[in-house]
């Protein structure tokens, strides 16, 4: 990560935030497109699963909050609190989009395909964290918290919604 020292000798975070902001913005657009596509093409999907409608609708403010915080962070000194807030809102928004797709798969294809999709997302996140922590052990606590939050959201609001 490239860091620059401002006039008041605080470190500014310049390289990580724009990339994170791009990801937040792309996922925000995905959430809007999915919401509008379902509402336009097949609104009955929302009638079949209110939880899917709630999750896609809630993903938008979470991802927007993450993006707004990242924009704010571009011109200010590093802030662990803002970085954590941005990442938590990102994880929640991202997990809600994944759950929406999983619930949609259960309605349109099968519960098996849906659970496979949701479980694979958790497995890949855990594999990524394992690889990252193998090289950077100091990130273990941070990765554990992020993965725990992601897994809980996927299991409780995704898999359990599919198998009920």
N, C-alpha and C. Protein backbone atom coordinates (compact mmCIF):
# COMPACT_ATOMS: atom_id res chain seq x y z
N UNK A 1 0.84 -1.16 0.00
CA UNK A 1 0.00 0.00 0.00
C UNK A 1 0.89 1.24 0.00
N UNK A 2 0.63 2.17 -0.89
CA UNK A 2 1.39 3.41 -0.97
C UNK A 2 0.85 4.37 0.07
N UNK A 3 1.76 4.94 0.85
CA UNK A 3 1.35 5.90 1.86
C UNK A 3 2.07 7.21 1.61
N UNK A 4 1.40 8.29 1.90
CA UNK A 4 1.97 9.61 1.73
C UNK A 4 1.77 10.35 3.03
N UNK A 5 2.74 11.17 3.41
CA UNK A 5 2.64 11.94 4.63
C UNK A 5 2.13 13.33 4.28
N UNK A 6 1.07 13.76 4.97
CA UNK A 6 0.50 15.07 4.71
C UNK A 6 1.31 16.14 5.43
N UNK A 7 0.93 17.41 5.25
CA UNK A 7 1.64 18.53 5.86
C UNK A 7 1.69 18.43 7.37
N UNK A 8 0.64 17.87 7.96
CA UNK A 8 0.63 17.76 9.43
C UNK A 8 1.25 16.44 9.90
N UNK A 9 2.00 15.78 9.03
CA UNK A 9 2.79 14.57 9.32
C UNK A 9 1.94 13.34 9.60
N UNK A 10 0.67 13.33 9.17
CA UNK A 10 -0.14 12.13 9.30
C UNK A 10 -0.06 11.35 8.00
N UNK A 11 -0.23 10.05 8.09
CA UNK A 11 -0.12 9.19 6.93
C UNK A 11 -1.46 9.14 6.19
N UNK A 12 -1.42 9.38 4.89
CA UNK A 12 -2.62 9.28 4.07
C UNK A 12 -2.61 7.97 3.31
N UNK A 13 -3.78 7.38 3.16
CA UNK A 13 -3.93 6.09 2.51
C UNK A 13 -4.46 6.35 1.10
N UNK A 14 -3.63 6.14 0.08
CA UNK A 14 -4.05 6.52 -1.27
C UNK A 14 -4.29 5.37 -2.24
N UNK A 15 -3.60 4.25 -2.11
CA UNK A 15 -3.70 3.24 -3.16
C UNK A 15 -4.79 2.20 -2.91
N UNK A 16 -5.06 1.84 -1.68
CA UNK A 16 -6.02 0.78 -1.39
C UNK A 16 -7.46 1.27 -1.55
N UNK A 17 -7.73 2.48 -1.13
CA UNK A 17 -9.09 3.00 -1.13
C UNK A 17 -9.70 3.06 -2.53
N UNK A 18 -9.01 3.59 -3.56
CA UNK A 18 -9.66 3.62 -4.88
C UNK A 18 -10.05 2.24 -5.41
N UNK A 19 -9.23 1.23 -5.17
CA UNK A 19 -9.57 -0.13 -5.60
C UNK A 19 -10.78 -0.64 -4.84
N UNK A 20 -10.78 -0.45 -3.52
CA UNK A 20 -11.93 -0.87 -2.70
C UNK A 20 -13.19 -0.13 -3.13
N UNK A 21 -13.05 1.15 -3.43
CA UNK A 21 -14.19 1.95 -3.87
C UNK A 21 -14.74 1.42 -5.19
N UNK A 22 -13.88 1.01 -6.09
CA UNK A 22 -14.31 0.44 -7.37
C UNK A 22 -15.11 -0.84 -7.14
N UNK A 23 -14.65 -1.67 -6.24
CA UNK A 23 -15.36 -2.92 -5.92
C UNK A 23 -16.72 -2.61 -5.29
N UNK A 24 -16.73 -1.69 -4.31
CA UNK A 24 -18.00 -1.29 -3.68
C UNK A 24 -18.99 -0.78 -4.72
N UNK A 25 -18.52 0.09 -5.60
CA UNK A 25 -19.40 0.68 -6.61
C UNK A 25 -19.91 -0.38 -7.58
N UNK A 26 -19.05 -1.29 -7.99
CA UNK A 26 -19.48 -2.36 -8.91
C UNK A 26 -20.55 -3.23 -8.26
N UNK A 27 -20.36 -3.61 -7.00
CA UNK A 27 -21.35 -4.43 -6.31
C UNK A 27 -22.65 -3.66 -6.06
N UNK A 28 -22.54 -2.37 -5.82
CA UNK A 28 -23.73 -1.54 -5.67
C UNK A 28 -24.54 -1.54 -6.96
N UNK A 29 -23.85 -1.44 -8.09
CA UNK A 29 -24.53 -1.50 -9.39
C UNK A 29 -25.17 -2.87 -9.60
N UNK A 30 -24.48 -3.94 -9.22
CA UNK A 30 -25.03 -5.29 -9.34
C UNK A 30 -26.32 -5.39 -8.53
N UNK A 31 -26.31 -4.88 -7.32
CA UNK A 31 -27.50 -4.94 -6.46
C UNK A 31 -28.67 -4.19 -7.11
N UNK A 32 -28.40 -2.99 -7.64
CA UNK A 32 -29.46 -2.23 -8.31
C UNK A 32 -30.00 -2.98 -9.53
N UNK A 33 -29.10 -3.54 -10.33
CA UNK A 33 -29.52 -4.26 -11.54
C UNK A 33 -30.35 -5.48 -11.16
N UNK A 34 -29.90 -6.26 -10.18
CA UNK A 34 -30.67 -7.44 -9.76
C UNK A 34 -32.04 -7.03 -9.26
N UNK A 35 -32.09 -6.00 -8.43
CA UNK A 35 -33.36 -5.52 -7.89
C UNK A 35 -34.29 -5.09 -9.01
N UNK A 36 -33.80 -4.28 -9.93
CA UNK A 36 -34.64 -3.79 -11.02
C UNK A 36 -35.03 -4.90 -12.00
N UNK A 37 -34.11 -5.82 -12.26
CA UNK A 37 -34.39 -6.93 -13.16
C UNK A 37 -35.51 -7.81 -12.61
N UNK A 38 -35.40 -8.16 -11.34
CA UNK A 38 -36.45 -8.99 -10.74
C UNK A 38 -37.77 -8.23 -10.70
N UNK A 39 -37.72 -6.98 -10.29
CA UNK A 39 -38.95 -6.17 -10.19
C UNK A 39 -39.62 -6.00 -11.55
N UNK A 40 -38.83 -5.95 -12.61
CA UNK A 40 -39.38 -5.74 -13.95
C UNK A 40 -39.79 -7.05 -14.62
N UNK A 41 -38.91 -8.02 -14.61
CA UNK A 41 -39.13 -9.26 -15.36
C UNK A 41 -39.98 -10.26 -14.60
N UNK A 42 -39.71 -10.43 -13.32
CA UNK A 42 -40.42 -11.46 -12.56
C UNK A 42 -40.68 -11.03 -11.12
N UNK A 43 -41.57 -10.05 -10.92
CA UNK A 43 -41.84 -9.59 -9.56
C UNK A 43 -42.43 -10.68 -8.66
N UNK A 44 -42.95 -11.74 -9.26
CA UNK A 44 -43.50 -12.84 -8.46
C UNK A 44 -42.41 -13.52 -7.62
N UNK A 45 -41.14 -13.39 -8.03
CA UNK A 45 -40.05 -13.95 -7.22
C UNK A 45 -40.02 -13.30 -5.84
N UNK A 46 -40.29 -12.00 -5.79
CA UNK A 46 -40.33 -11.31 -4.50
C UNK A 46 -41.51 -11.78 -3.66
N UNK A 47 -42.61 -12.10 -4.32
CA UNK A 47 -43.77 -12.62 -3.60
C UNK A 47 -43.49 -14.00 -3.03
N UNK A 48 -42.67 -14.77 -3.74
CA UNK A 48 -42.34 -16.12 -3.28
C UNK A 48 -41.32 -16.11 -2.15
N UNK A 49 -40.54 -15.04 -2.07
CA UNK A 49 -39.54 -14.95 -1.00
C UNK A 49 -39.36 -13.49 -0.59
N UNK A 50 -40.07 -13.13 0.47
CA UNK A 50 -39.90 -11.78 1.00
C UNK A 50 -38.48 -11.57 1.50
N UNK A 51 -37.86 -12.64 2.00
CA UNK A 51 -36.50 -12.53 2.50
C UNK A 51 -35.54 -12.13 1.39
N UNK A 52 -35.75 -12.65 0.19
CA UNK A 52 -34.90 -12.28 -0.94
C UNK A 52 -35.06 -10.79 -1.24
N UNK A 53 -36.29 -10.30 -1.21
CA UNK A 53 -36.54 -8.88 -1.46
C UNK A 53 -35.87 -8.02 -0.38
N UNK A 54 -35.98 -8.46 0.86
CA UNK A 54 -35.38 -7.71 1.96
C UNK A 54 -33.86 -7.68 1.82
N UNK A 55 -33.27 -8.84 1.50
CA UNK A 55 -31.81 -8.90 1.42
C UNK A 55 -31.25 -8.07 0.28
N UNK A 56 -31.86 -8.11 -0.89
CA UNK A 56 -31.33 -7.30 -2.00
C UNK A 56 -31.54 -5.82 -1.72
N UNK A 57 -32.67 -5.48 -1.12
CA UNK A 57 -32.93 -4.07 -0.79
C UNK A 57 -31.95 -3.56 0.27
N UNK A 58 -31.65 -4.37 1.27
CA UNK A 58 -30.72 -3.94 2.32
C UNK A 58 -29.27 -3.92 1.87
N UNK A 59 -28.94 -4.72 0.87
CA UNK A 59 -27.55 -4.71 0.39
C UNK A 59 -27.16 -3.33 -0.15
N UNK A 60 -28.12 -2.63 -0.71
CA UNK A 60 -27.84 -1.32 -1.32
C UNK A 60 -27.35 -0.29 -0.31
N UNK A 61 -28.05 -0.05 0.81
CA UNK A 61 -27.51 0.93 1.75
C UNK A 61 -26.19 0.50 2.41
N UNK A 62 -26.02 -0.81 2.61
CA UNK A 62 -24.74 -1.25 3.19
C UNK A 62 -23.58 -0.99 2.23
N UNK A 63 -23.76 -1.33 0.96
CA UNK A 63 -22.69 -1.08 -0.01
C UNK A 63 -22.48 0.41 -0.26
N UNK A 64 -23.56 1.17 -0.28
CA UNK A 64 -23.44 2.62 -0.45
C UNK A 64 -22.67 3.23 0.73
N UNK A 65 -22.97 2.79 1.95
CA UNK A 65 -22.25 3.29 3.13
C UNK A 65 -20.77 2.98 3.02
N UNK A 66 -20.45 1.77 2.62
CA UNK A 66 -19.05 1.39 2.46
C UNK A 66 -18.37 2.29 1.43
N UNK A 67 -19.03 2.53 0.31
CA UNK A 67 -18.45 3.38 -0.74
C UNK A 67 -18.28 4.82 -0.25
N UNK A 68 -19.27 5.36 0.44
CA UNK A 68 -19.18 6.73 0.94
C UNK A 68 -18.02 6.89 1.93
N UNK A 69 -17.85 5.91 2.80
CA UNK A 69 -16.75 5.97 3.76
C UNK A 69 -15.42 5.91 3.04
N UNK A 70 -15.31 5.05 2.03
CA UNK A 70 -14.05 4.94 1.29
C UNK A 70 -13.72 6.23 0.55
N UNK A 71 -14.73 6.91 0.02
CA UNK A 71 -14.50 8.20 -0.63
C UNK A 71 -13.96 9.19 0.41
N UNK A 72 -14.57 9.21 1.58
CA UNK A 72 -14.14 10.11 2.64
C UNK A 72 -12.70 9.81 3.06
N UNK A 73 -12.34 8.52 3.09
CA UNK A 73 -11.02 8.10 3.54
C UNK A 73 -9.91 8.49 2.56
N UNK A 74 -10.25 8.76 1.31
CA UNK A 74 -9.21 9.04 0.32
C UNK A 74 -8.40 10.29 0.66
N UNK A 75 -9.02 11.27 1.28
CA UNK A 75 -8.29 12.51 1.53
C UNK A 75 -7.98 12.77 2.98
N UNK A 76 -8.10 11.75 3.79
CA UNK A 76 -7.84 11.97 5.21
C UNK A 76 -6.82 10.98 5.73
N UNK A 77 -6.27 11.26 6.90
CA UNK A 77 -5.32 10.30 7.49
C UNK A 77 -5.97 8.94 7.70
N UNK A 78 -5.14 7.91 7.77
CA UNK A 78 -5.66 6.57 7.99
C UNK A 78 -6.49 6.53 9.26
N UNK A 79 -7.57 5.79 9.20
CA UNK A 79 -8.44 5.64 10.36
C UNK A 79 -8.85 4.17 10.46
N UNK A 80 -8.39 3.53 11.50
CA UNK A 80 -8.72 2.11 11.69
C UNK A 80 -10.22 1.94 11.90
N UNK A 81 -10.85 2.89 12.57
CA UNK A 81 -12.29 2.80 12.84
C UNK A 81 -13.08 2.90 11.54
N UNK A 82 -12.75 3.89 10.70
CA UNK A 82 -13.46 4.03 9.42
C UNK A 82 -13.18 2.86 8.49
N UNK A 83 -11.94 2.38 8.50
CA UNK A 83 -11.60 1.23 7.66
C UNK A 83 -12.40 0.00 8.10
N UNK A 84 -12.50 -0.22 9.38
CA UNK A 84 -13.26 -1.36 9.91
C UNK A 84 -14.75 -1.20 9.59
N UNK A 85 -15.29 0.01 9.79
CA UNK A 85 -16.70 0.26 9.49
C UNK A 85 -16.98 0.00 8.01
N UNK A 86 -16.10 0.49 7.15
CA UNK A 86 -16.27 0.31 5.72
C UNK A 86 -16.23 -1.17 5.35
N UNK A 87 -15.32 -1.90 5.95
CA UNK A 87 -15.21 -3.32 5.61
C UNK A 87 -16.39 -4.12 6.14
N UNK A 88 -16.87 -3.80 7.33
CA UNK A 88 -18.03 -4.51 7.88
C UNK A 88 -19.27 -4.25 7.02
N UNK A 89 -19.50 -2.99 6.64
CA UNK A 89 -20.66 -2.70 5.80
C UNK A 89 -20.51 -3.36 4.43
N UNK A 90 -19.28 -3.44 3.92
CA UNK A 90 -19.04 -4.13 2.65
C UNK A 90 -19.37 -5.62 2.78
N UNK A 91 -18.88 -6.26 3.83
CA UNK A 91 -19.12 -7.69 4.00
C UNK A 91 -20.61 -7.97 4.12
N UNK A 92 -21.31 -7.16 4.88
CA UNK A 92 -22.76 -7.37 5.04
C UNK A 92 -23.46 -7.21 3.69
N UNK A 93 -23.16 -6.12 2.97
CA UNK A 93 -23.78 -5.89 1.66
C UNK A 93 -23.46 -6.99 0.67
N UNK A 94 -22.20 -7.41 0.63
CA UNK A 94 -21.78 -8.47 -0.28
C UNK A 94 -22.48 -9.79 0.06
N UNK A 95 -22.52 -10.13 1.34
CA UNK A 95 -23.18 -11.38 1.76
C UNK A 95 -24.67 -11.36 1.42
N UNK A 96 -25.30 -10.21 1.55
CA UNK A 96 -26.72 -10.10 1.21
C UNK A 96 -26.95 -10.31 -0.29
N UNK A 97 -26.04 -9.82 -1.12
CA UNK A 97 -26.16 -10.07 -2.57
C UNK A 97 -26.00 -11.56 -2.86
N UNK A 98 -24.99 -12.18 -2.24
CA UNK A 98 -24.76 -13.62 -2.43
C UNK A 98 -25.99 -14.40 -1.99
N UNK A 99 -26.56 -14.04 -0.84
CA UNK A 99 -27.77 -14.72 -0.36
C UNK A 99 -28.94 -14.53 -1.33
N UNK A 100 -29.08 -13.36 -1.88
CA UNK A 100 -30.16 -13.10 -2.84
C UNK A 100 -30.04 -14.05 -4.03
N UNK A 101 -28.84 -14.18 -4.54
CA UNK A 101 -28.61 -15.09 -5.67
C UNK A 101 -28.90 -16.53 -5.24
N UNK A 102 -28.46 -16.89 -4.04
CA UNK A 102 -28.72 -18.24 -3.53
C UNK A 102 -30.21 -18.53 -3.38
N UNK A 103 -30.95 -17.59 -2.84
CA UNK A 103 -32.40 -17.79 -2.68
C UNK A 103 -33.06 -17.85 -4.06
N UNK A 104 -32.60 -17.00 -4.98
CA UNK A 104 -33.15 -17.03 -6.34
C UNK A 104 -32.89 -18.39 -6.99
N UNK A 105 -31.71 -18.95 -6.78
CA UNK A 105 -31.39 -20.28 -7.31
C UNK A 105 -32.31 -21.34 -6.71
N UNK A 106 -32.62 -21.22 -5.44
CA UNK A 106 -33.50 -22.21 -4.81
C UNK A 106 -34.91 -22.14 -5.38
N UNK A 107 -35.36 -20.96 -5.75
CA UNK A 107 -36.70 -20.78 -6.31
C UNK A 107 -36.75 -21.24 -7.77
N UNK A 108 -35.72 -20.91 -8.52
CA UNK A 108 -35.75 -21.17 -9.97
C UNK A 108 -35.08 -22.46 -10.41
N UNK A 109 -34.14 -23.00 -9.61
CA UNK A 109 -33.43 -24.22 -10.00
C UNK A 109 -33.69 -25.32 -8.98
N UNK A 110 -32.97 -25.30 -7.86
CA UNK A 110 -33.18 -26.29 -6.80
C UNK A 110 -32.49 -25.85 -5.53
N UNK A 111 -32.93 -26.40 -4.43
CA UNK A 111 -32.30 -26.11 -3.14
C UNK A 111 -30.87 -26.62 -3.11
N UNK A 112 -30.63 -27.76 -3.74
CA UNK A 112 -29.28 -28.33 -3.78
C UNK A 112 -28.30 -27.37 -4.45
N UNK A 113 -28.67 -26.85 -5.60
CA UNK A 113 -27.80 -25.92 -6.33
C UNK A 113 -27.58 -24.66 -5.49
N UNK A 114 -28.62 -24.19 -4.85
CA UNK A 114 -28.52 -23.00 -4.01
C UNK A 114 -27.57 -23.21 -2.85
N UNK A 115 -27.73 -24.32 -2.14
CA UNK A 115 -26.86 -24.59 -0.99
C UNK A 115 -25.42 -24.80 -1.45
N UNK A 116 -25.23 -25.46 -2.57
CA UNK A 116 -23.90 -25.63 -3.13
C UNK A 116 -23.26 -24.28 -3.43
N UNK A 117 -24.02 -23.38 -4.05
CA UNK A 117 -23.54 -22.02 -4.37
C UNK A 117 -23.15 -21.28 -3.08
N UNK A 118 -24.03 -21.29 -2.10
CA UNK A 118 -23.77 -20.56 -0.86
C UNK A 118 -22.58 -21.16 -0.11
N UNK A 119 -22.54 -22.48 -0.01
CA UNK A 119 -21.44 -23.15 0.69
C UNK A 119 -20.10 -22.92 -0.02
N UNK A 120 -20.12 -22.90 -1.34
CA UNK A 120 -18.88 -22.65 -2.10
C UNK A 120 -18.35 -21.24 -1.84
N UNK A 121 -19.25 -20.27 -1.69
CA UNK A 121 -18.82 -18.90 -1.37
C UNK A 121 -18.11 -18.85 -0.02
N UNK A 122 -18.65 -19.56 0.96
CA UNK A 122 -18.01 -19.61 2.27
C UNK A 122 -16.67 -20.33 2.17
N UNK A 123 -16.64 -21.47 1.48
CA UNK A 123 -15.40 -22.24 1.34
C UNK A 123 -14.30 -21.44 0.66
N UNK A 124 -14.65 -20.71 -0.39
CA UNK A 124 -13.64 -19.91 -1.09
C UNK A 124 -13.14 -18.77 -0.21
N UNK A 125 -14.03 -18.13 0.54
CA UNK A 125 -13.60 -17.07 1.47
C UNK A 125 -12.65 -17.63 2.51
N UNK A 126 -12.95 -18.80 3.05
CA UNK A 126 -12.09 -19.42 4.05
C UNK A 126 -10.75 -19.85 3.45
N UNK A 127 -10.77 -20.35 2.23
CA UNK A 127 -9.52 -20.75 1.56
C UNK A 127 -8.64 -19.52 1.32
N UNK A 128 -9.25 -18.43 0.89
CA UNK A 128 -8.51 -17.17 0.67
C UNK A 128 -7.87 -16.70 1.98
N UNK A 129 -8.65 -16.71 3.05
CA UNK A 129 -8.12 -16.27 4.35
C UNK A 129 -7.00 -17.18 4.83
N UNK A 130 -7.15 -18.47 4.62
CA UNK A 130 -6.09 -19.41 5.02
C UNK A 130 -4.80 -19.10 4.28
N UNK A 131 -4.90 -18.87 2.98
CA UNK A 131 -3.71 -18.54 2.19
C UNK A 131 -3.11 -17.22 2.66
N UNK A 132 -3.94 -16.23 2.92
CA UNK A 132 -3.46 -14.92 3.35
C UNK A 132 -2.79 -15.00 4.72
N UNK A 133 -3.40 -15.72 5.64
CA UNK A 133 -2.85 -15.83 6.98
C UNK A 133 -1.57 -16.66 6.98
N UNK A 134 -1.47 -17.61 6.06
CA UNK A 134 -0.24 -18.40 5.97
C UNK A 134 0.96 -17.50 5.69
N UNK A 135 0.76 -16.49 4.86
CA UNK A 135 1.84 -15.55 4.54
C UNK A 135 1.93 -14.39 5.53
N UNK A 136 0.83 -14.06 6.18
CA UNK A 136 0.78 -12.89 7.08
C UNK A 136 0.03 -13.26 8.36
N UNK A 137 0.71 -13.94 9.26
CA UNK A 137 0.08 -14.44 10.48
C UNK A 137 -0.54 -13.32 11.32
N UNK A 138 0.00 -12.12 11.21
CA UNK A 138 -0.54 -11.01 12.00
C UNK A 138 -1.96 -10.63 11.59
N UNK A 139 -2.43 -11.14 10.45
CA UNK A 139 -3.78 -10.85 9.97
C UNK A 139 -4.81 -11.88 10.44
N UNK A 140 -4.38 -12.87 11.22
CA UNK A 140 -5.27 -13.97 11.60
C UNK A 140 -6.52 -13.50 12.34
N UNK A 141 -6.35 -12.64 13.32
CA UNK A 141 -7.50 -12.17 14.11
C UNK A 141 -8.47 -11.39 13.23
N UNK A 142 -7.94 -10.52 12.39
CA UNK A 142 -8.78 -9.72 11.50
C UNK A 142 -9.54 -10.61 10.51
N UNK A 143 -8.86 -11.57 9.91
CA UNK A 143 -9.50 -12.46 8.94
C UNK A 143 -10.54 -13.34 9.63
N UNK A 144 -10.26 -13.79 10.84
CA UNK A 144 -11.22 -14.62 11.57
C UNK A 144 -12.52 -13.86 11.78
N UNK A 145 -12.43 -12.60 12.21
CA UNK A 145 -13.62 -11.79 12.44
C UNK A 145 -14.42 -11.57 11.17
N UNK A 146 -13.73 -11.24 10.09
CA UNK A 146 -14.40 -11.01 8.81
C UNK A 146 -15.08 -12.27 8.29
N UNK A 147 -14.36 -13.39 8.37
CA UNK A 147 -14.92 -14.65 7.88
C UNK A 147 -16.07 -15.13 8.75
N UNK A 148 -15.97 -14.90 10.05
CA UNK A 148 -17.05 -15.29 10.94
C UNK A 148 -18.32 -14.51 10.61
N UNK A 149 -18.20 -13.20 10.42
CA UNK A 149 -19.35 -12.38 10.06
C UNK A 149 -19.96 -12.84 8.74
N UNK A 150 -19.12 -13.04 7.72
CA UNK A 150 -19.59 -13.48 6.41
C UNK A 150 -20.29 -14.83 6.50
N UNK A 151 -19.68 -15.78 7.22
CA UNK A 151 -20.24 -17.12 7.34
C UNK A 151 -21.59 -17.10 8.08
N UNK A 152 -21.67 -16.34 9.14
CA UNK A 152 -22.93 -16.26 9.90
C UNK A 152 -24.04 -15.70 9.01
N UNK A 153 -23.75 -14.65 8.26
CA UNK A 153 -24.78 -14.06 7.38
C UNK A 153 -25.20 -15.06 6.31
N UNK A 154 -24.25 -15.75 5.70
CA UNK A 154 -24.57 -16.72 4.66
C UNK A 154 -25.39 -17.88 5.23
N UNK A 155 -25.00 -18.39 6.39
CA UNK A 155 -25.72 -19.53 6.97
C UNK A 155 -27.11 -19.11 7.46
N UNK A 156 -27.20 -18.05 8.25
CA UNK A 156 -28.47 -17.67 8.86
C UNK A 156 -29.45 -17.08 7.85
N UNK A 157 -28.97 -16.16 7.01
CA UNK A 157 -29.87 -15.48 6.09
C UNK A 157 -29.89 -16.08 4.68
N UNK A 158 -29.06 -17.10 4.46
CA UNK A 158 -29.01 -17.75 3.15
C UNK A 158 -29.41 -19.20 3.24
N UNK A 159 -28.52 -20.02 3.75
CA UNK A 159 -28.74 -21.47 3.78
C UNK A 159 -30.00 -21.82 4.59
N UNK A 160 -30.17 -21.21 5.76
CA UNK A 160 -31.36 -21.54 6.56
C UNK A 160 -32.65 -21.08 5.88
N UNK A 161 -32.59 -20.02 5.09
CA UNK A 161 -33.77 -19.57 4.34
C UNK A 161 -34.11 -20.56 3.23
N UNK A 162 -33.09 -21.17 2.65
CA UNK A 162 -33.27 -22.11 1.56
C UNK A 162 -33.84 -23.44 2.07
N UNK A 163 -33.36 -23.92 3.20
CA UNK A 163 -33.78 -25.24 3.67
C UNK A 163 -35.06 -25.21 4.52
N UNK A 164 -35.57 -24.07 4.84
CA UNK A 164 -36.78 -23.99 5.68
C UNK A 164 -38.00 -24.49 4.96
